[in-house]
Amino acid sequence: MSRKAAMKMLQLTLKDFRKLCILKGIYPREPRNRKRAQKGAAGIKTLYQTKDIQFLMHEPIIWKLRDYKVR
């Protein structure tokens, strides 16, 4: 999953997404087949495992980060 797709799914800004990944120890991964993972797109994207993003979706701290954005 690309970083942009992950941020959209989590409804966070880049700054908040980076903070959350550092706090929870989530790092970008190198896929076995980059061309298939990027769905044929050229260039290099930052890719994360889907299970890591699913893990972040259920974190209570994500609501705190969203509250800061609202205020």
Protein backbone atom coordinates (compact mmCIF):
# COMPACT_ATOMS: atom_id res chain seq x y z
CA MET A 1 0.00 0.00 0.00
CA SER A 2 1.39 3.41 -0.91
CA ARG A 3 1.91 6.14 1.67
CA LYS A 4 -0.72 8.34 0.02
CA ALA A 5 -3.32 5.56 0.15
CA ALA A 6 -2.46 4.84 3.79
CA MET A 7 -2.81 8.51 4.76
CA LYS A 8 -6.17 8.68 2.99
CA MET A 9 -7.40 5.56 4.76
CA LEU A 10 -6.28 6.81 8.18
CA GLN A 11 -7.51 10.37 7.47
CA LEU A 12 -4.25 11.92 8.67
CA THR A 13 -1.86 14.54 7.35
CA LEU A 14 1.69 13.61 6.37
CA LYS A 15 3.06 15.14 9.56
CA ASP A 16 0.67 13.16 11.79
CA PHE A 17 1.19 9.98 9.77
CA ARG A 18 4.96 10.22 10.26
CA LYS A 19 4.54 10.79 14.01
CA LEU A 20 2.25 7.79 14.34
CA CYS A 21 4.55 5.50 12.36
CA ILE A 22 7.54 6.49 14.48
CA LEU A 23 5.63 5.99 17.74
CA LYS A 24 4.33 2.56 16.73
CA GLY A 25 7.47 1.37 14.92
CA ILE A 26 5.94 1.03 11.44
CA TYR A 27 8.48 1.31 8.63
CA PRO A 28 8.22 1.22 4.83
CA ARG A 29 8.92 -2.21 3.33
CA GLU A 30 10.54 -3.32 0.10
CA PRO A 31 8.07 -5.59 -1.74
CA ARG A 32 9.14 -8.77 -3.49
CA ASN A 33 7.79 -7.48 -6.79
CA ARG A 34 7.75 -3.67 -6.83
CA LYS A 35 6.12 -3.40 -10.26
CA ARG A 36 3.15 -5.52 -9.15
CA ALA A 37 2.91 -3.73 -5.78
CA GLN A 38 2.76 -0.34 -7.52
CA LYS A 39 0.21 -1.69 -10.00
CA GLY A 40 2.50 -1.09 -12.98
CA ALA A 41 3.32 2.53 -12.13
CA ALA A 42 6.81 3.79 -12.93
CA GLY A 43 9.03 5.43 -10.36
CA ILE A 44 9.52 4.53 -6.73
CA LYS A 45 6.82 5.03 -4.11
CA THR A 46 7.02 4.59 -0.35
CA LEU A 47 5.17 1.34 0.33
CA TYR A 48 3.81 -0.06 3.59
CA GLN A 49 2.36 -3.46 4.39
CA THR A 50 -1.42 -3.53 4.53
CA LYS A 51 -1.43 -5.36 7.87
CA ASP A 52 0.63 -2.54 9.43
CA ILE A 53 -1.91 0.06 8.28
CA GLN A 54 -4.77 -2.11 9.58
CA PHE A 55 -2.94 -2.21 12.93
CA LEU A 56 -2.73 1.60 12.98
CA MET A 57 -6.45 1.93 12.20
CA HIS A 58 -7.34 0.38 15.57
CA GLU A 59 -5.03 2.54 17.67
CA PRO A 60 -6.72 4.90 20.17
CA ILE A 61 -4.00 7.54 19.67
CA ILE A 62 -5.29 8.18 16.14
CA TRP A 63 -8.35 9.92 17.60
CA LYS A 64 -6.09 12.29 19.56
CA LEU A 65 -4.23 13.25 16.38
CA ARG A 66 -7.51 13.89 14.58
CA ASP A 67 -8.77 16.04 17.49
CA TYR A 68 -5.73 18.31 17.19
CA LYS A 69 -6.52 18.82 13.52
CA VAL A 70 -10.13 19.81 14.29
CA ARG A 71 -9.24 22.38 16.95
